[in-house]
Amino acid sequence: MVCIFILRLINSLIDSQILIKKTEIINRTQFNYCKKDKIKNLNNAQNKALNQIIKKFKHKNVCLLHGITSSGKTEIYASLISKYLIHQHIFHFDLYLTQI
């Protein structure tokens, strides 16, 4: 019942041109990266984690990186991948992400 009321209200606002109805298709797999995009510099804690991951990969091909939201886990992944691609290290790794 409430849903129908809200839908009618929104349609009424569109009809009176208070709201504008717009349809947009967003492709979540298309990225606009360019060569100027750079990996951010890691802070001390991130560098420590990165070095520990690289050290662990010498003995095991699996590593768990966990941290709170916005702690910089993705930046650590980006740095690890960058190091792999730039230096062409030959090691296999699996990373698993958890959030607290």
N, C-alpha and C. Protein backbone atom coordinates (compact mmCIF):
# COMPACT_ATOMS: atom_id res chain seq x y z
N MET A 1 0.82 -1.19 0.00
CA MET A 1 0.00 0.00 0.00
C MET A 1 0.87 1.26 0.00
N VAL A 2 1.84 1.30 0.90
CA VAL A 2 2.74 2.45 0.99
C VAL A 2 3.54 2.57 -0.30
N CYS A 3 3.96 1.44 -0.83
CA CYS A 3 4.76 1.42 -2.05
C CYS A 3 3.98 2.03 -3.22
N ILE A 4 2.72 1.70 -3.34
CA ILE A 4 1.88 2.24 -4.41
C ILE A 4 1.73 3.76 -4.25
N PHE A 5 1.54 4.20 -3.01
CA PHE A 5 1.42 5.63 -2.74
C PHE A 5 2.69 6.38 -3.15
N ILE A 6 3.83 5.83 -2.78
CA ILE A 6 5.11 6.47 -3.11
C ILE A 6 5.32 6.49 -4.62
N LEU A 7 4.98 5.40 -5.29
CA LEU A 7 5.12 5.35 -6.75
C LEU A 7 4.23 6.40 -7.41
N ARG A 8 3.00 6.54 -6.94
CA ARG A 8 2.10 7.56 -7.49
C ARG A 8 2.62 8.97 -7.22
N LEU A 9 3.16 9.17 -6.03
CA LEU A 9 3.71 10.47 -5.68
C LEU A 9 4.89 10.82 -6.59
N ILE A 10 5.78 9.87 -6.80
CA ILE A 10 6.93 10.10 -7.67
C ILE A 10 6.46 10.39 -9.10
N ASN A 11 5.51 9.61 -9.60
CA ASN A 11 5.00 9.84 -10.95
C ASN A 11 4.33 11.20 -11.07
N SER A 12 3.65 11.62 -10.04
CA SER A 12 3.02 12.95 -10.02
C SER A 12 4.07 14.05 -10.08
N LEU A 13 5.16 13.88 -9.34
CA LEU A 13 6.25 14.86 -9.36
C LEU A 13 6.94 14.89 -10.72
N ILE A 14 7.02 13.75 -11.38
CA ILE A 14 7.58 13.70 -12.73
C ILE A 14 6.65 14.40 -13.72
N ASP A 15 5.35 14.13 -13.59
CA ASP A 15 4.37 14.76 -14.49
C ASP A 15 4.37 16.27 -14.35
N SER A 16 4.57 16.77 -13.12
CA SER A 16 4.59 18.22 -12.92
C SER A 16 5.98 18.82 -13.11
N GLN A 17 6.89 18.00 -13.60
CA GLN A 17 8.25 18.39 -13.95
C GLN A 17 9.06 18.93 -12.76
N ILE A 18 8.71 18.46 -11.58
CA ILE A 18 9.50 18.76 -10.39
C ILE A 18 10.68 17.79 -10.33
N LEU A 19 10.42 16.55 -10.73
CA LEU A 19 11.47 15.55 -10.87
C LEU A 19 11.64 15.23 -12.35
N ILE A 20 12.83 14.84 -12.71
CA ILE A 20 13.10 14.42 -14.09
C ILE A 20 13.45 12.94 -14.06
N LYS A 21 12.77 12.18 -14.89
CA LYS A 21 13.05 10.75 -14.99
C LYS A 21 14.17 10.55 -16.00
N LYS A 22 15.18 9.84 -15.58
CA LYS A 22 16.34 9.61 -16.43
C LYS A 22 16.73 8.15 -16.32
N THR A 23 17.02 7.54 -17.45
CA THR A 23 17.49 6.16 -17.48
C THR A 23 18.93 6.16 -17.96
N GLU A 24 19.76 5.46 -17.22
CA GLU A 24 21.17 5.40 -17.58
C GLU A 24 21.66 3.97 -17.39
N ILE A 25 22.36 3.46 -18.38
CA ILE A 25 22.93 2.13 -18.29
C ILE A 25 24.38 2.28 -17.84
N ILE A 26 24.72 1.60 -16.78
CA ILE A 26 26.08 1.67 -16.23
C ILE A 26 26.74 0.31 -16.39
N ASN A 27 27.86 0.31 -17.09
CA ASN A 27 28.62 -0.91 -17.27
C ASN A 27 29.66 -1.00 -16.17
N ARG A 28 29.49 -1.91 -15.26
CA ARG A 28 30.39 -2.02 -14.12
C ARG A 28 31.72 -2.69 -14.45
N THR A 29 31.88 -3.17 -15.68
CA THR A 29 33.14 -3.80 -16.05
C THR A 29 33.98 -2.92 -16.96
N GLN A 30 33.47 -1.76 -17.33
CA GLN A 30 34.21 -0.87 -18.21
C GLN A 30 34.86 0.22 -17.36
N PHE A 31 36.18 0.27 -17.39
CA PHE A 31 36.91 1.22 -16.58
C PHE A 31 37.62 2.22 -17.49
N ASN A 32 37.77 3.41 -17.02
CA ASN A 32 38.45 4.45 -17.77
C ASN A 32 39.81 4.75 -17.15
N TYR A 33 40.64 3.74 -17.09
CA TYR A 33 41.98 3.93 -16.57
C TYR A 33 42.86 4.53 -17.66
N CYS A 34 43.81 5.29 -17.26
CA CYS A 34 44.77 5.81 -18.22
C CYS A 34 46.18 5.56 -17.69
N LYS A 35 47.16 5.77 -18.52
CA LYS A 35 48.54 5.50 -18.14
C LYS A 35 49.01 6.42 -17.02
N LYS A 36 48.33 7.53 -16.80
CA LYS A 36 48.72 8.47 -15.76
C LYS A 36 48.29 8.01 -14.37
N ASP A 37 47.38 7.04 -14.29
CA ASP A 37 46.94 6.55 -12.99
C ASP A 37 48.13 5.91 -12.29
N LYS A 38 48.37 6.32 -11.07
CA LYS A 38 49.49 5.81 -10.31
C LYS A 38 49.01 5.16 -9.03
N ILE A 39 49.77 4.20 -8.58
CA ILE A 39 49.48 3.56 -7.30
C ILE A 39 49.91 4.51 -6.19
N LYS A 40 49.06 4.63 -5.20
CA LYS A 40 49.37 5.53 -4.08
C LYS A 40 50.54 4.98 -3.27
N ASN A 41 51.27 5.89 -2.64
CA ASN A 41 52.35 5.47 -1.75
C ASN A 41 51.75 4.85 -0.50
N LEU A 42 52.33 3.76 -0.06
CA LEU A 42 51.84 3.07 1.13
C LEU A 42 52.39 3.73 2.38
N ASN A 43 51.59 3.68 3.46
CA ASN A 43 52.08 4.17 4.74
C ASN A 43 52.91 3.07 5.39
N ASN A 44 53.46 3.34 6.57
CA ASN A 44 54.36 2.38 7.23
C ASN A 44 53.68 1.05 7.51
N ALA A 45 52.45 1.09 8.01
CA ALA A 45 51.73 -0.15 8.33
C ALA A 45 51.45 -0.96 7.06
N GLN A 46 51.09 -0.28 5.98
CA GLN A 46 50.83 -0.97 4.72
C GLN A 46 52.12 -1.57 4.15
N ASN A 47 53.22 -0.82 4.23
CA ASN A 47 54.51 -1.35 3.77
C ASN A 47 54.92 -2.58 4.57
N LYS A 48 54.68 -2.54 5.86
CA LYS A 48 55.01 -3.69 6.71
C LYS A 48 54.18 -4.90 6.28
N ALA A 49 52.89 -4.69 6.06
CA ALA A 49 52.01 -5.78 5.62
C ALA A 49 52.46 -6.31 4.26
N LEU A 50 52.78 -5.41 3.33
CA LEU A 50 53.23 -5.82 2.00
C LEU A 50 54.49 -6.67 2.09
N ASN A 51 55.45 -6.23 2.88
CA ASN A 51 56.70 -6.99 3.03
C ASN A 51 56.46 -8.35 3.67
N GLN A 52 55.53 -8.41 4.62
CA GLN A 52 55.20 -9.70 5.25
C GLN A 52 54.54 -10.64 4.25
N ILE A 53 53.70 -10.10 3.39
CA ILE A 53 53.04 -10.93 2.37
C ILE A 53 54.09 -11.49 1.41
N ILE A 54 54.98 -10.64 0.94
CA ILE A 54 56.02 -11.09 0.02
C ILE A 54 56.89 -12.16 0.68
N LYS A 55 57.20 -11.96 1.95
CA LYS A 55 58.01 -12.94 2.69
C LYS A 55 57.26 -14.27 2.82
N LYS A 56 55.96 -14.20 3.11
CA LYS A 56 55.15 -15.42 3.24
C LYS A 56 55.07 -16.18 1.93
N PHE A 57 55.03 -15.46 0.81
CA PHE A 57 54.91 -16.11 -0.50
C PHE A 57 56.13 -16.95 -0.83
N LYS A 58 57.24 -16.73 -0.16
CA LYS A 58 58.43 -17.54 -0.40
C LYS A 58 58.25 -18.96 0.13
N HIS A 59 57.33 -19.12 1.10
CA HIS A 59 57.10 -20.42 1.72
C HIS A 59 55.73 -20.99 1.41
N LYS A 60 54.79 -20.13 1.11
CA LYS A 60 53.41 -20.56 0.91
C LYS A 60 52.77 -19.67 -0.14
N ASN A 61 51.86 -20.22 -0.94
CA ASN A 61 51.25 -19.42 -1.99
C ASN A 61 49.89 -18.84 -1.60
N VAL A 62 49.57 -18.87 -0.32
CA VAL A 62 48.31 -18.33 0.16
C VAL A 62 48.60 -17.39 1.32
N CYS A 63 47.89 -16.27 1.34
CA CYS A 63 48.08 -15.31 2.42
C CYS A 63 46.73 -14.64 2.70
N LEU A 64 46.44 -14.43 3.97
CA LEU A 64 45.21 -13.76 4.36
C LEU A 64 45.53 -12.34 4.80
N LEU A 65 44.93 -11.38 4.13
CA LEU A 65 45.08 -9.98 4.49
C LEU A 65 43.74 -9.50 5.02
N HIS A 66 43.70 -9.11 6.27
CA HIS A 66 42.43 -8.63 6.81
C HIS A 66 42.64 -7.29 7.48
N GLY A 67 41.59 -6.50 7.47
CA GLY A 67 41.65 -5.18 8.09
C GLY A 67 40.29 -4.53 8.01
N ILE A 68 40.15 -3.45 8.75
CA ILE A 68 38.86 -2.75 8.77
C ILE A 68 38.65 -2.03 7.43
N THR A 69 37.43 -1.62 7.18
CA THR A 69 37.10 -0.90 5.97
C THR A 69 37.95 0.36 5.87
N SER A 70 38.45 0.63 4.69
CA SER A 70 39.27 1.81 4.38
C SER A 70 40.63 1.79 5.05
N SER A 71 41.13 0.61 5.36
CA SER A 71 42.45 0.52 5.98
C SER A 71 43.57 0.45 4.94
N GLY A 72 43.22 0.35 3.65
CA GLY A 72 44.22 0.37 2.60
C GLY A 72 44.58 -0.99 2.04
N LYS A 73 43.72 -1.98 2.22
CA LYS A 73 44.01 -3.33 1.71
C LYS A 73 44.14 -3.32 0.19
N THR A 74 43.27 -2.60 -0.48
CA THR A 74 43.31 -2.56 -1.94
C THR A 74 44.61 -1.94 -2.44
N GLU A 75 45.10 -0.92 -1.74
CA GLU A 75 46.37 -0.31 -2.13
C GLU A 75 47.52 -1.30 -1.97
N ILE A 76 47.44 -2.14 -0.94
CA ILE A 76 48.46 -3.17 -0.76
C ILE A 76 48.40 -4.16 -1.92
N TYR A 77 47.19 -4.56 -2.30
CA TYR A 77 47.04 -5.46 -3.45
C TYR A 77 47.62 -4.83 -4.70
N ALA A 78 47.31 -3.55 -4.94
CA ALA A 78 47.79 -2.87 -6.14
C ALA A 78 49.32 -2.81 -6.14
N SER A 79 49.92 -2.54 -5.00
CA SER A 79 51.38 -2.51 -4.91
C SER A 79 51.98 -3.88 -5.16
N LEU A 80 51.36 -4.90 -4.62
CA LEU A 80 51.85 -6.26 -4.81
C LEU A 80 51.79 -6.65 -6.29
N ILE A 81 50.69 -6.35 -6.93
CA ILE A 81 50.53 -6.66 -8.36
C ILE A 81 51.53 -5.86 -9.18
N SER A 82 51.70 -4.59 -8.83
CA SER A 82 52.66 -3.74 -9.53
C SER A 82 54.07 -4.31 -9.42
N LYS A 83 54.46 -4.70 -8.21
CA LYS A 83 55.79 -5.30 -8.02
C LYS A 83 55.94 -6.56 -8.85
N TYR A 84 54.88 -7.35 -8.89
CA TYR A 84 54.91 -8.58 -9.67
C TYR A 84 55.10 -8.27 -11.16
N LEU A 85 54.34 -7.31 -11.67
CA LEU A 85 54.41 -7.00 -13.09
C LEU A 85 55.72 -6.30 -13.46
N ILE A 86 56.17 -5.37 -12.63
CA ILE A 86 57.39 -4.63 -12.95
C ILE A 86 58.62 -5.52 -12.86
N HIS A 87 58.72 -6.28 -11.80
CA HIS A 87 59.92 -7.09 -11.58
C HIS A 87 59.79 -8.50 -12.12
N GLN A 88 58.61 -8.84 -12.64
CA GLN A 88 58.34 -10.15 -13.22
C GLN A 88 58.75 -11.27 -12.29
N HIS A 89 58.38 -11.10 -11.03
CA HIS A 89 58.64 -12.18 -10.07
C HIS A 89 57.83 -13.40 -10.50
N ILE A 90 58.42 -14.53 -10.35
CA ILE A 90 57.71 -15.74 -10.70
C ILE A 90 57.30 -16.41 -9.39
N PHE A 91 56.13 -16.09 -8.95
CA PHE A 91 55.53 -16.77 -7.81
C PHE A 91 54.03 -16.75 -7.98
N HIS A 92 53.40 -17.75 -7.47
CA HIS A 92 51.95 -17.86 -7.55
C HIS A 92 51.39 -17.48 -6.19
N PHE A 93 50.34 -16.70 -6.19
CA PHE A 93 49.77 -16.31 -4.91
C PHE A 93 48.26 -16.23 -5.00
N ASP A 94 47.64 -16.50 -3.88
CA ASP A 94 46.20 -16.35 -3.72
C ASP A 94 46.00 -15.44 -2.51
N LEU A 95 45.22 -14.39 -2.69
CA LEU A 95 44.93 -13.48 -1.59
C LEU A 95 43.47 -13.58 -1.23
N TYR A 96 43.19 -13.57 0.04
CA TYR A 96 41.81 -13.60 0.51
C TYR A 96 41.58 -12.37 1.35
N LEU A 97 40.47 -11.72 1.16
CA LEU A 97 40.15 -10.47 1.83
C LEU A 97 39.06 -10.70 2.86
N THR A 98 39.29 -10.21 4.06
CA THR A 98 38.23 -10.23 5.07
C THR A 98 38.13 -8.83 5.64
N GLN A 99 36.96 -8.48 6.12
CA GLN A 99 36.78 -7.20 6.79
C GLN A 99 36.24 -7.44 8.18
N ILE A 100 36.71 -6.62 9.11
CA ILE A 100 36.27 -6.76 10.50
C ILE A 100 35.05 -5.91 10.71
